[in-house]
Amino acid sequence: MKINKAKIDKIKGFLDEREANYLYKLALKAGKNGPCLEIGSYCGKSSVYLGAACKENSTVLFPLIIMAVQKNSSPAKPILTPIC
């Protein structure tokens, strides 16, 4: 795994190293079958691990970022706020 731990530690998130390594191994296995999808990537810490595994398999990761809709927005024109 070619990930710079010093840079990863600067990313906001709750992912510990054991979980990160597990996600990486899962993505290595799943990525052999095609692209991977991550739903709710928060600030992207897990995306780095998943993306690194996908890159090793010459596939891609599609991270789905969830945004919070502000109360004062309308359904026709929602005001989205990044969670990070």
Protein backbone atom coordinates (compact mmCIF):
# COMPACT_ATOMS: atom_id res chain seq x y z
CA MET A 1 0.00 0.00 0.00
CA LYS A 2 1.49 3.31 -1.12
CA ILE A 3 -0.16 5.84 1.21
CA ASN A 4 1.59 8.71 2.97
CA LYS A 5 0.49 8.33 6.62
CA ALA A 6 1.61 11.87 7.50
CA LYS A 7 -0.76 13.32 4.91
CA ILE A 8 -3.60 10.97 5.90
CA ASP A 9 -3.37 12.07 9.53
CA LYS A 10 -4.19 15.62 8.45
CA ILE A 11 -7.57 14.56 7.01
CA LYS A 12 -10.50 15.04 9.34
CA GLY A 13 -12.26 11.79 10.22
CA PHE A 14 -12.89 8.93 12.60
CA LEU A 15 -11.15 6.11 10.73
CA ASP A 16 -8.54 4.26 12.76
CA GLU A 17 -5.63 2.45 11.16
CA ARG A 18 -7.09 -1.05 11.66
CA GLU A 19 -10.35 -0.07 9.94
CA ALA A 20 -8.43 1.70 7.17
CA ASN A 21 -6.37 -1.40 6.43
CA TYR A 22 -9.52 -3.54 6.40
CA LEU A 23 -11.24 -1.20 3.93
CA TYR A 24 -8.13 -1.25 1.75
CA LYS A 25 -8.09 -5.07 1.67
CA LEU A 26 -11.82 -5.23 0.90
CA ALA A 27 -11.43 -2.75 -1.96
CA LEU A 28 -8.47 -4.71 -3.32
CA LYS A 29 -10.67 -7.79 -3.50
CA ALA A 30 -13.82 -6.03 -4.77
CA GLY A 31 -11.92 -3.86 -7.24
CA LYS A 32 -10.88 -6.94 -9.21
CA ASN A 33 -14.52 -7.17 -10.35
CA GLY A 34 -14.88 -3.53 -11.41
CA PRO A 35 -15.39 -0.03 -9.99
CA CYS A 36 -16.07 0.52 -6.28
CA LEU A 37 -18.70 2.79 -4.71
CA GLU A 38 -18.36 4.52 -1.34
CA ILE A 39 -21.52 6.05 0.11
CA GLY A 40 -20.98 8.80 2.69
CA SER A 41 -17.27 9.49 2.52
CA TYR A 42 -17.42 12.29 5.17
CA CYS A 43 -14.14 14.17 4.59
CA GLY A 44 -12.42 11.61 2.39
CA LYS A 45 -10.11 9.73 4.75
CA SER A 46 -11.60 6.34 3.84
CA SER A 47 -11.69 7.39 0.18
CA VAL A 48 -7.90 7.61 0.14
CA TYR A 49 -7.58 3.97 1.22
CA LEU A 50 -10.33 2.73 -1.07
CA GLY A 51 -8.96 4.77 -3.98
CA ALA A 52 -5.43 3.44 -3.46
CA ALA A 53 -6.72 -0.13 -3.65
CA CYS A 54 -8.75 0.68 -6.76
CA LYS A 55 -5.72 2.27 -8.38
CA GLU A 56 -3.73 -0.93 -7.80
CA ASN A 57 -6.46 -2.83 -9.65
CA SER A 58 -6.58 -0.25 -12.46
CA THR A 59 -10.19 0.54 -11.63
CA VAL A 60 -11.94 3.57 -10.12
CA LEU A 61 -13.71 4.61 -6.94
CA PHE A 62 -16.97 6.57 -7.02
CA PRO A 63 -17.27 8.36 -3.66
CA LEU A 64 -20.78 9.67 -2.99
CA ILE A 65 -20.52 12.75 -0.79
CA ILE A 66 -23.55 13.49 1.35
CA MET A 67 -24.43 17.14 1.80
CA ALA A 68 -26.65 18.72 4.42
CA VAL A 69 -29.59 20.75 3.09
CA GLN A 70 -30.08 24.01 4.97
CA LYS A 71 -33.49 24.65 6.55
CA ASN A 72 -34.03 27.94 4.70
CA SER A 73 -33.66 26.39 1.24
CA SER A 74 -36.49 25.41 -1.08
CA PRO A 75 -36.93 22.04 -2.85
CA ALA A 76 -36.50 23.82 -6.19
CA LYS A 77 -33.26 25.51 -5.11
CA PRO A 78 -31.64 23.62 -2.23
CA ILE A 79 -28.72 25.24 -0.42
CA LEU A 80 -26.15 22.50 0.12
CA THR A 81 -23.55 22.65 2.82
CA PRO A 82 -20.56 20.29 2.89
CA ILE A 83 -20.43 18.27 6.07
CA CYS A 84 -16.65 18.82 6.45
